[in-house]
All heavy atoms as atom14 arrays in JSON, in Angstrom:
{
  "sequence": "LLPARRGFEGESPVIALPESTKGAPAPSRVLAMLARVSAHEGVLSW",
  "atom14_mask": [
    [1, 1, 1, 1, 1, 1, 1, 1, 0, 0, 0, 0, 0, 0],
    [1, 1, 1, 1, 1, 1, 1, 1, 0, 0, 0, 0, 0, 0],
    [1, 1, 1, 1, 1, 1, 1, 0, 0, 0, 0, 0, 0, 0],
    [1, 1, 1, 1, 1, 0, 0, 0, 0, 0, 0, 0, 0, 0],
    [1, 1, 1, 1, 1, 1, 1, 1, 1, 1, 1, 0, 0, 0],
    [1, 1, 1, 1, 1, 1, 1, 1, 1, 1, 1, 0, 0, 0],
    [1, 1, 1, 1, 0, 0, 0, 0, 0, 0, 0, 0, 0, 0],
    [1, 1, 1, 1, 1, 1, 1, 1, 1, 1, 1, 0, 0, 0],
    [1, 1, 1, 1, 1, 1, 1, 1, 1, 0, 0, 0, 0, 0],
    [1, 1, 1, 1, 0, 0, 0, 0, 0, 0, 0, 0, 0, 0],
    [1, 1, 1, 1, 1, 1, 1, 1, 1, 0, 0, 0, 0, 0],
    [1, 1, 1, 1, 1, 1, 0, 0, 0, 0, 0, 0, 0, 0],
    [1, 1, 1, 1, 1, 1, 1, 0, 0, 0, 0, 0, 0, 0],
    [1, 1, 1, 1, 1, 1, 1, 0, 0, 0, 0, 0, 0, 0],
    [1, 1, 1, 1, 1, 1, 1, 1, 0, 0, 0, 0, 0, 0],
    [1, 1, 1, 1, 1, 0, 0, 0, 0, 0, 0, 0, 0, 0],
    [1, 1, 1, 1, 1, 1, 1, 1, 0, 0, 0, 0, 0, 0],
    [1, 1, 1, 1, 1, 1, 1, 0, 0, 0, 0, 0, 0, 0],
    [1, 1, 1, 1, 1, 1, 1, 1, 1, 0, 0, 0, 0, 0],
    [1, 1, 1, 1, 1, 1, 0, 0, 0, 0, 0, 0, 0, 0],
    [1, 1, 1, 1, 1, 1, 1, 0, 0, 0, 0, 0, 0, 0],
    [1, 1, 1, 1, 1, 1, 1, 1, 1, 0, 0, 0, 0, 0],
    [1, 1, 1, 1, 0, 0, 0, 0, 0, 0, 0, 0, 0, 0],
    [1, 1, 1, 1, 1, 0, 0, 0, 0, 0, 0, 0, 0, 0],
    [1, 1, 1, 1, 1, 1, 1, 0, 0, 0, 0, 0, 0, 0],
    [1, 1, 1, 1, 1, 0, 0, 0, 0, 0, 0, 0, 0, 0],
    [1, 1, 1, 1, 1, 1, 1, 0, 0, 0, 0, 0, 0, 0],
    [1, 1, 1, 1, 1, 1, 0, 0, 0, 0, 0, 0, 0, 0],
    [1, 1, 1, 1, 1, 1, 1, 1, 1, 1, 1, 0, 0, 0],
    [1, 1, 1, 1, 1, 1, 1, 0, 0, 0, 0, 0, 0, 0],
    [1, 1, 1, 1, 1, 1, 1, 1, 0, 0, 0, 0, 0, 0],
    [1, 1, 1, 1, 1, 0, 0, 0, 0, 0, 0, 0, 0, 0],
    [1, 1, 1, 1, 1, 1, 1, 1, 0, 0, 0, 0, 0, 0],
    [1, 1, 1, 1, 1, 1, 1, 1, 0, 0, 0, 0, 0, 0],
    [1, 1, 1, 1, 1, 0, 0, 0, 0, 0, 0, 0, 0, 0],
    [1, 1, 1, 1, 1, 1, 1, 1, 1, 1, 1, 0, 0, 0],
    [1, 1, 1, 1, 1, 1, 1, 0, 0, 0, 0, 0, 0, 0],
    [1, 1, 1, 1, 1, 1, 0, 0, 0, 0, 0, 0, 0, 0],
    [1, 1, 1, 1, 1, 0, 0, 0, 0, 0, 0, 0, 0, 0],
    [1, 1, 1, 1, 1, 1, 1, 1, 1, 1, 0, 0, 0, 0],
    [1, 1, 1, 1, 1, 1, 1, 1, 1, 0, 0, 0, 0, 0],
    [1, 1, 1, 1, 0, 0, 0, 0, 0, 0, 0, 0, 0, 0],
    [1, 1, 1, 1, 1, 1, 1, 0, 0, 0, 0, 0, 0, 0],
    [1, 1, 1, 1, 1, 1, 1, 1, 0, 0, 0, 0, 0, 0],
    [1, 1, 1, 1, 1, 1, 0, 0, 0, 0, 0, 0, 0, 0],
    [1, 1, 1, 1, 1, 1, 1, 1, 1, 1, 1, 1, 1, 1]
  ],
  "atom14_positions": [
    [[0.84, -1.2, 0.0], [0.0, 0.0, 0.0], [0.87, 1.24, 0.0], [1.81, 1.36, 0.77], [-0.92, 0.02, 1.23], [-2.13, -0.89, 1.14], [-2.82, -0.99, 2.49], [-3.11, -0.36, 0.12], [0.0, 0.0, 0.0], [0.0, 0.0, 0.0], [0.0, 0.0, 0.0], [0.0, 0.0, 0.0], [0.0, 0.0, 0.0], [0.0, 0.0, 0.0]],
    [[0.53, 2.16, -0.86], [1.25, 3.43, -0.9], [0.82, 4.31, 0.28], [-0.35, 4.27, 0.68], [0.94, 4.18, -2.19], [1.47, 3.58, -3.47], [0.88, 4.34, -4.65], [2.97, 3.67, -3.51], [0.0, 0.0, 0.0], [0.0, 0.0, 0.0], [0.0, 0.0, 0.0], [0.0, 0.0, 0.0], [0.0, 0.0, 0.0], [0.0, 0.0, 0.0]],
    [[1.72, 5.1, 0.82], [1.28, 6.09, 1.8], [0.48, 7.18, 1.1], [0.75, 7.52, -0.05], [2.6, 6.65, 2.35], [3.58, 6.43, 1.25], [3.16, 5.16, 0.56], [0.0, 0.0, 0.0], [0.0, 0.0, 0.0], [0.0, 0.0, 0.0], [0.0, 0.0, 0.0], [0.0, 0.0, 0.0], [0.0, 0.0, 0.0], [0.0, 0.0, 0.0]],
    [[-0.54, 7.7, 1.76], [-1.35, 8.73, 1.15], [-0.5, 9.92, 0.75], [0.35, 10.37, 1.5], [-2.46, 9.17, 2.12], [0.0, 0.0, 0.0], [0.0, 0.0, 0.0], [0.0, 0.0, 0.0], [0.0, 0.0, 0.0], [0.0, 0.0, 0.0], [0.0, 0.0, 0.0], [0.0, 0.0, 0.0], [0.0, 0.0, 0.0], [0.0, 0.0, 0.0]],
    [[-0.71, 10.4, -0.45], [0.03, 11.55, -0.99], [1.53, 11.32, -0.89], [2.32, 12.24, -0.79], [-0.36, 12.83, -0.24], [-1.85, 13.12, -0.32], [-2.22, 14.3, 0.55], [-1.66, 15.54, 0.0], [-2.26, 16.29, -0.91], [-3.44, 15.93, -1.36], [-1.7, 17.39, -1.34], [0.0, 0.0, 0.0], [0.0, 0.0, 0.0], [0.0, 0.0, 0.0]],
    [[1.92, 10.03, -0.91], [3.34, 9.63, -0.85], [4.03, 10.26, 0.35], [5.17, 10.66, 0.3], [4.03, 9.98, -2.16], [3.26, 9.39, -3.32], [3.98, 9.4, -4.63], [3.07, 8.83, -5.61], [3.38, 7.87, -6.45], [4.58, 7.39, -6.47], [2.51, 7.39, -7.3], [0.0, 0.0, 0.0], [0.0, 0.0, 0.0], [0.0, 0.0, 0.0]],
    [[3.3, 10.34, 1.45], [3.85, 10.85, 2.7], [3.48, 9.93, 3.83], [3.3, 8.74, 3.64], [0.0, 0.0, 0.0], [0.0, 0.0, 0.0], [0.0, 0.0, 0.0], [0.0, 0.0, 0.0], [0.0, 0.0, 0.0], [0.0, 0.0, 0.0], [0.0, 0.0, 0.0], [0.0, 0.0, 0.0], [0.0, 0.0, 0.0], [0.0, 0.0, 0.0]],
    [[3.32, 10.47, 5.02], [3.05, 9.64, 6.19], [1.68, 9.96, 6.81], [1.42, 9.59, 7.93], [4.14, 9.87, 7.25], [5.47, 9.35, 6.83], [6.38, 10.17, 6.18], [5.83, 8.04, 7.09], [7.62, 9.71, 5.79], [7.07, 7.57, 6.71], [7.97, 8.39, 6.06], [0.0, 0.0, 0.0], [0.0, 0.0, 0.0], [0.0, 0.0, 0.0]],
    [[0.8, 10.65, 6.08], [-0.46, 11.07, 6.67], [-1.43, 9.93, 6.89], [-2.31, 9.99, 7.72], [-1.14, 12.14, 5.78], [-0.38, 13.44, 5.67], [0.62, 13.41, 4.51], [0.88, 12.32, 3.99], [1.12, 14.48, 4.14], [0.0, 0.0, 0.0], [0.0, 0.0, 0.0], [0.0, 0.0, 0.0], [0.0, 0.0, 0.0], [0.0, 0.0, 0.0]],
    [[-1.31, 8.86, 6.14], [-2.25, 7.76, 6.26], [-2.08, 6.81, 5.1], [-1.08, 6.86, 4.38], [0.0, 0.0, 0.0], [0.0, 0.0, 0.0], [0.0, 0.0, 0.0], [0.0, 0.0, 0.0], [0.0, 0.0, 0.0], [0.0, 0.0, 0.0], [0.0, 0.0, 0.0], [0.0, 0.0, 0.0], [0.0, 0.0, 0.0], [0.0, 0.0, 0.0]],
    [[-3.06, 5.96, 4.88], [-2.96, 4.98, 3.81], [-3.72, 5.45, 2.58], [-4.72, 6.15, 2.66], [-3.52, 3.63, 4.28], [-2.64, 2.95, 5.31], [-3.21, 1.6, 5.71], [-4.37, 1.33, 5.36], [-2.5, 0.84, 6.38], [0.0, 0.0, 0.0], [0.0, 0.0, 0.0], [0.0, 0.0, 0.0], [0.0, 0.0, 0.0], [0.0, 0.0, 0.0]],
    [[-3.25, 5.01, 1.44], [-3.92, 5.27, 0.18], [-4.66, 4.01, -0.23], [-4.22, 2.91, 0.07], [-2.88, 5.63, -0.89], [-3.46, 5.55, -2.17], [0.0, 0.0, 0.0], [0.0, 0.0, 0.0], [0.0, 0.0, 0.0], [0.0, 0.0, 0.0], [0.0, 0.0, 0.0], [0.0, 0.0, 0.0], [0.0, 0.0, 0.0], [0.0, 0.0, 0.0]],
    [[-5.79, 4.13, -0.9], [-6.48, 2.93, -1.4], [-5.79, 2.32, -2.61], [-6.22, 1.28, -3.1], [-7.88, 3.46, -1.75], [-7.66, 4.9, -2.08], [-6.55, 5.36, -1.17], [0.0, 0.0, 0.0], [0.0, 0.0, 0.0], [0.0, 0.0, 0.0], [0.0, 0.0, 0.0], [0.0, 0.0, 0.0], [0.0, 0.0, 0.0], [0.0, 0.0, 0.0]],
    [[-4.75, 2.96, -3.11], [-4.05, 2.47, -4.3], [-2.94, 1.5, -3.87], [-2.15, 1.8, -2.99], [-3.44, 3.63, -5.11], [-2.72, 3.12, -6.35], [-4.53, 4.62, -5.51], [0.0, 0.0, 0.0], [0.0, 0.0, 0.0], [0.0, 0.0, 0.0], [0.0, 0.0, 0.0], [0.0, 0.0, 0.0], [0.0, 0.0, 0.0], [0.0, 0.0, 0.0]],
    [[-2.91, 0.35, -4.53], [-1.89, -0.66, -4.25], [-0.65, -0.37, -5.1], [-0.77, 0.0, -6.27], [-2.41, -2.07, -4.56], [-3.7, -2.35, -3.81], [-1.36, -3.14, -4.25], [-3.58, -2.42, -2.33], [0.0, 0.0, 0.0], [0.0, 0.0, 0.0], [0.0, 0.0, 0.0], [0.0, 0.0, 0.0], [0.0, 0.0, 0.0], [0.0, 0.0, 0.0]],
    [[0.53, -0.54, -4.54], [1.76, -0.39, -5.3], [2.29, -1.76, -5.67], [2.41, -2.64, -4.83], [2.81, 0.36, -4.48], [0.0, 0.0, 0.0], [0.0, 0.0, 0.0], [0.0, 0.0, 0.0], [0.0, 0.0, 0.0], [0.0, 0.0, 0.0], [0.0, 0.0, 0.0], [0.0, 0.0, 0.0], [0.0, 0.0, 0.0], [0.0, 0.0, 0.0]],
    [[2.6, -1.96, -6.95], [3.29, -3.17, -7.4], [4.66, -2.74, -7.92], [4.83, -2.47, -9.1], [2.49, -3.87, -8.5], [1.24, -4.63, -8.05], [0.56, -5.28, -9.24], [1.57, -5.67, -7.0], [0.0, 0.0, 0.0], [0.0, 0.0, 0.0], [0.0, 0.0, 0.0], [0.0, 0.0, 0.0], [0.0, 0.0, 0.0], [0.0, 0.0, 0.0]],
    [[5.63, -2.63, -7.03], [6.94, -2.12, -7.45], [7.6, -3.05, -8.45], [7.6, -4.27, -8.31], [7.74, -2.06, -6.15], [7.07, -3.03, -5.25], [5.62, -3.0, -5.61], [0.0, 0.0, 0.0], [0.0, 0.0, 0.0], [0.0, 0.0, 0.0], [0.0, 0.0, 0.0], [0.0, 0.0, 0.0], [0.0, 0.0, 0.0], [0.0, 0.0, 0.0]],
    [[8.15, -2.46, -9.5], [8.82, -3.22, -10.54], [10.11, -3.82, -9.98], [11.03, -3.11, -9.6], [9.14, -2.3, -11.71], [9.68, -2.99, -12.93], [9.89, -1.98, -14.05], [8.9, -1.64, -14.72], [11.03, -1.53, -14.21], [0.0, 0.0, 0.0], [0.0, 0.0, 0.0], [0.0, 0.0, 0.0], [0.0, 0.0, 0.0], [0.0, 0.0, 0.0]],
    [[10.18, -5.14, -9.92], [11.33, -5.82, -9.32], [12.37, -6.22, -10.34], [13.55, -6.34, -10.02], [10.86, -7.06, -8.55], [9.9, -6.71, -7.59], [0.0, 0.0, 0.0], [0.0, 0.0, 0.0], [0.0, 0.0, 0.0], [0.0, 0.0, 0.0], [0.0, 0.0, 0.0], [0.0, 0.0, 0.0], [0.0, 0.0, 0.0], [0.0, 0.0, 0.0]],
    [[11.96, -6.5, -11.55], [12.92, -6.85, -12.6], [12.38, -6.36, -13.93], [11.17, -6.3, -14.14], [13.18, -8.37, -12.65], [14.2, -8.64, -13.6], [11.93, -9.15, -13.02], [0.0, 0.0, 0.0], [0.0, 0.0, 0.0], [0.0, 0.0, 0.0], [0.0, 0.0, 0.0], [0.0, 0.0, 0.0], [0.0, 0.0, 0.0], [0.0, 0.0, 0.0]],
    [[13.27, -5.97, -14.82], [12.88, -5.36, -16.08], [13.68, -5.97, -17.21], [14.81, -6.39, -17.05], [13.13, -3.84, -16.02], [12.55, -3.06, -17.2], [12.7, -1.57, -16.97], [12.03, -0.78, -18.09], [12.13, 0.68, -17.86], [0.0, 0.0, 0.0], [0.0, 0.0, 0.0], [0.0, 0.0, 0.0], [0.0, 0.0, 0.0], [0.0, 0.0, 0.0]],
    [[13.07, -6.02, -18.39], [13.77, -6.54, -19.55], [13.72, -8.06, -19.59], [12.8, -8.69, -19.08], [0.0, 0.0, 0.0], [0.0, 0.0, 0.0], [0.0, 0.0, 0.0], [0.0, 0.0, 0.0], [0.0, 0.0, 0.0], [0.0, 0.0, 0.0], [0.0, 0.0, 0.0], [0.0, 0.0, 0.0], [0.0, 0.0, 0.0], [0.0, 0.0, 0.0]],
    [[14.73, -8.66, -20.21], [14.77, -10.11, -20.4], [16.01, -10.7, -19.76], [16.92, -11.16, -20.45], [14.72, -10.44, -21.89], [0.0, 0.0, 0.0], [0.0, 0.0, 0.0], [0.0, 0.0, 0.0], [0.0, 0.0, 0.0], [0.0, 0.0, 0.0], [0.0, 0.0, 0.0], [0.0, 0.0, 0.0], [0.0, 0.0, 0.0], [0.0, 0.0, 0.0]],
    [[16.1, -10.68, -18.42], [17.26, -11.29, -17.77], [17.23, -12.8, -17.91], [16.19, -13.39, -18.25], [17.09, -10.88, -16.3], [15.62, -10.66, -16.15], [15.14, -10.14, -17.47], [0.0, 0.0, 0.0], [0.0, 0.0, 0.0], [0.0, 0.0, 0.0], [0.0, 0.0, 0.0], [0.0, 0.0, 0.0], [0.0, 0.0, 0.0], [0.0, 0.0, 0.0]],
    [[18.33, -13.45, -17.64], [18.41, -14.9, -17.7], [17.42, -15.51, -16.71], [17.23, -14.95, -15.61], [19.82, -15.37, -17.39], [0.0, 0.0, 0.0], [0.0, 0.0, 0.0], [0.0, 0.0, 0.0], [0.0, 0.0, 0.0], [0.0, 0.0, 0.0], [0.0, 0.0, 0.0], [0.0, 0.0, 0.0], [0.0, 0.0, 0.0], [0.0, 0.0, 0.0]],
    [[16.79, -16.63, -17.07], [15.86, -17.26, -16.13], [16.45, -17.51, -14.75], [15.75, -17.37, -13.74], [15.5, -18.57, -16.84], [15.64, -18.26, -18.3], [16.81, -17.32, -18.37], [0.0, 0.0, 0.0], [0.0, 0.0, 0.0], [0.0, 0.0, 0.0], [0.0, 0.0, 0.0], [0.0, 0.0, 0.0], [0.0, 0.0, 0.0], [0.0, 0.0, 0.0]],
    [[17.73, -17.85, -14.68], [18.34, -18.1, -13.37], [18.29, -16.86, -12.49], [18.08, -16.96, -11.27], [19.79, -18.56, -13.55], [20.54, -17.59, -14.25], [0.0, 0.0, 0.0], [0.0, 0.0, 0.0], [0.0, 0.0, 0.0], [0.0, 0.0, 0.0], [0.0, 0.0, 0.0], [0.0, 0.0, 0.0], [0.0, 0.0, 0.0], [0.0, 0.0, 0.0]],
    [[18.47, -15.68, -13.07], [18.41, -14.44, -12.29], [16.99, -14.15, -11.84], [16.76, -13.74, -10.69], [18.94, -13.27, -13.11], [18.91, -11.94, -12.37], [19.69, -10.86, -13.11], [19.59, -9.59, -12.42], [18.69, -8.65, -12.71], [17.84, -8.83, -13.71], [18.65, -7.51, -12.04], [0.0, 0.0, 0.0], [0.0, 0.0, 0.0], [0.0, 0.0, 0.0]],
    [[16.01, -14.37, -12.72], [14.62, -14.15, -12.33], [14.23, -15.09, -11.2], [13.59, -14.68, -10.22], [13.68, -14.36, -13.54], [12.22, -14.17, -13.13], [14.03, -13.4, -14.67], [0.0, 0.0, 0.0], [0.0, 0.0, 0.0], [0.0, 0.0, 0.0], [0.0, 0.0, 0.0], [0.0, 0.0, 0.0], [0.0, 0.0, 0.0], [0.0, 0.0, 0.0]],
    [[14.65, -16.35, -11.3], [14.31, -17.32, -10.27], [14.98, -16.99, -8.95], [14.4, -17.19, -7.87], [14.7, -18.72, -10.73], [13.88, -19.26, -11.92], [14.51, -20.53, -12.46], [12.44, -19.5, -11.52], [0.0, 0.0, 0.0], [0.0, 0.0, 0.0], [0.0, 0.0, 0.0], [0.0, 0.0, 0.0], [0.0, 0.0, 0.0], [0.0, 0.0, 0.0]],
    [[16.21, -16.49, -9.0], [16.9, -16.1, -7.78], [16.19, -14.93, -7.11], [16.02, -14.89, -5.88], [18.36, -15.74, -8.08], [0.0, 0.0, 0.0], [0.0, 0.0, 0.0], [0.0, 0.0, 0.0], [0.0, 0.0, 0.0], [0.0, 0.0, 0.0], [0.0, 0.0, 0.0], [0.0, 0.0, 0.0], [0.0, 0.0, 0.0], [0.0, 0.0, 0.0]],
    [[15.75, -13.95, -7.91], [15.01, -12.82, -7.35], [13.67, -13.27, -6.78], [13.24, -12.82, -5.72], [14.8, -11.76, -8.42], [16.09, -11.12, -8.92], [15.78, -9.89, -10.21], [14.94, -8.64, -9.27], [0.0, 0.0, 0.0], [0.0, 0.0, 0.0], [0.0, 0.0, 0.0], [0.0, 0.0, 0.0], [0.0, 0.0, 0.0], [0.0, 0.0, 0.0]],
    [[13.01, -14.2, -7.5], [11.73, -14.71, -7.03], [11.88, -15.38, -5.67], [11.05, -15.21, -4.77], [11.16, -15.69, -8.06], [9.82, -16.34, -7.7], [8.71, -15.29, -7.63], [9.46, -17.41, -8.72], [0.0, 0.0, 0.0], [0.0, 0.0, 0.0], [0.0, 0.0, 0.0], [0.0, 0.0, 0.0], [0.0, 0.0, 0.0], [0.0, 0.0, 0.0]],
    [[12.96, -16.14, -5.51], [13.19, -16.82, -4.23], [13.39, -15.83, -3.11], [12.86, -16.0, -2.0], [14.4, -17.75, -4.36], [0.0, 0.0, 0.0], [0.0, 0.0, 0.0], [0.0, 0.0, 0.0], [0.0, 0.0, 0.0], [0.0, 0.0, 0.0], [0.0, 0.0, 0.0], [0.0, 0.0, 0.0], [0.0, 0.0, 0.0], [0.0, 0.0, 0.0]],
    [[14.13, -14.75, -3.35], [14.38, -13.76, -2.3], [13.12, -12.99, -1.95], [12.84, -12.72, -0.78], [15.5, -12.81, -2.73], [16.87, -13.45, -2.82], [17.96, -12.41, -2.89], [17.91, -11.62, -4.1], [18.59, -11.9, -5.21], [19.36, -12.97, -5.25], [18.52, -11.12, -6.25], [0.0, 0.0, 0.0], [0.0, 0.0, 0.0], [0.0, 0.0, 0.0]],
    [[12.36, -12.63, -2.96], [11.13, -11.87, -2.7], [10.1, -12.74, -1.98], [9.47, -12.31, -1.01], [10.56, -11.33, -4.02], [9.17, -10.74, -3.8], [11.47, -10.26, -4.6], [0.0, 0.0, 0.0], [0.0, 0.0, 0.0], [0.0, 0.0, 0.0], [0.0, 0.0, 0.0], [0.0, 0.0, 0.0], [0.0, 0.0, 0.0], [0.0, 0.0, 0.0]],
    [[9.91, -13.97, -2.47], [8.88, -14.83, -1.88], [9.23, -15.25, -0.47], [8.34, -15.56, 0.33], [8.66, -16.06, -2.76], [9.86, -16.81, -2.89], [0.0, 0.0, 0.0], [0.0, 0.0, 0.0], [0.0, 0.0, 0.0], [0.0, 0.0, 0.0], [0.0, 0.0, 0.0], [0.0, 0.0, 0.0], [0.0, 0.0, 0.0], [0.0, 0.0, 0.0]],
    [[10.54, -15.26, -0.11], [10.93, -15.6, 1.26], [10.34, -14.59, 2.24], [10.17, -14.9, 3.42], [12.45, -15.64, 1.39], [0.0, 0.0, 0.0], [0.0, 0.0, 0.0], [0.0, 0.0, 0.0], [0.0, 0.0, 0.0], [0.0, 0.0, 0.0], [0.0, 0.0, 0.0], [0.0, 0.0, 0.0], [0.0, 0.0, 0.0], [0.0, 0.0, 0.0]],
    [[10.02, -13.4, 1.77], [9.41, -12.36, 2.6], [7.98, -12.09, 2.15], [7.43, -11.02, 2.41], [10.24, -11.08, 2.55], [11.59, -11.23, 3.19], [11.83, -10.88, 4.49], [12.75, -11.73, 2.71], [13.1, -11.13, 4.79], [13.66, -11.66, 3.72], [0.0, 0.0, 0.0], [0.0, 0.0, 0.0], [0.0, 0.0, 0.0], [0.0, 0.0, 0.0]],
    [[7.38, -13.09, 1.48], [5.99, -13.01, 1.04], [5.72, -11.8, 0.16], [4.66, -11.18, 0.26], [5.04, -13.06, 2.24], [5.13, -14.35, 3.02], [4.11, -14.47, 4.14], [3.23, -13.59, 4.23], [4.2, -15.43, 4.91], [0.0, 0.0, 0.0], [0.0, 0.0, 0.0], [0.0, 0.0, 0.0], [0.0, 0.0, 0.0], [0.0, 0.0, 0.0]],
    [[6.67, -11.48, -0.69], [6.49, -10.41, -1.64], [6.08, -10.94, -3.0], [6.11, -12.13, -3.27], [0.0, 0.0, 0.0], [0.0, 0.0, 0.0], [0.0, 0.0, 0.0], [0.0, 0.0, 0.0], [0.0, 0.0, 0.0], [0.0, 0.0, 0.0], [0.0, 0.0, 0.0], [0.0, 0.0, 0.0], [0.0, 0.0, 0.0], [0.0, 0.0, 0.0]],
    [[5.67, -10.03, -3.89], [5.28, -10.35, -5.26], [6.37, -9.87, -6.2], [6.78, -8.71, -6.12], [3.93, -9.68, -5.62], [3.61, -9.87, -7.09], [2.81, -10.26, -4.76], [0.0, 0.0, 0.0], [0.0, 0.0, 0.0], [0.0, 0.0, 0.0], [0.0, 0.0, 0.0], [0.0, 0.0, 0.0], [0.0, 0.0, 0.0], [0.0, 0.0, 0.0]],
    [[6.83, -10.73, -7.07], [7.83, -10.33, -8.06], [7.1, -9.81, -9.29], [6.35, -10.54, -9.95], [8.72, -11.51, -8.44], [9.85, -11.17, -9.43], [10.88, -10.26, -8.76], [10.53, -12.43, -9.95], [0.0, 0.0, 0.0], [0.0, 0.0, 0.0], [0.0, 0.0, 0.0], [0.0, 0.0, 0.0], [0.0, 0.0, 0.0], [0.0, 0.0, 0.0]],
    [[7.29, -8.54, -9.61], [6.64, -7.9, -10.74], [7.66, -7.71, -11.86], [8.65, -7.0, -11.69], [6.05, -6.55, -10.31], [5.37, -5.93, -11.36], [0.0, 0.0, 0.0], [0.0, 0.0, 0.0], [0.0, 0.0, 0.0], [0.0, 0.0, 0.0], [0.0, 0.0, 0.0], [0.0, 0.0, 0.0], [0.0, 0.0, 0.0], [0.0, 0.0, 0.0]],
    [[7.41, -8.34, -12.99], [8.37, -8.38, -14.1], [7.8, -7.62, -15.29], [6.81, -8.02, -15.89], [8.62, -9.85, -14.46], [9.69, -10.09, -15.48], [10.51, -9.18, -16.07], [10.06, -11.37, -16.02], [11.36, -9.8, -16.94], [11.12, -11.15, -16.93], [9.61, -12.67, -15.83], [11.72, -12.17, -17.66], [10.2, -13.7, -16.54], [11.25, -13.45, -17.43]]
  ]
}
């Protein structure tokens, strides 16, 4: 969740899906990133 007005006043109803990987990296790199993100219950956005 994004902070409201990108500050600390409260929560925004808009969900943030931060871009974790871009382009066409080797599958091994994508899988390594996926493992690190998922270990903390994150979503890998490609």
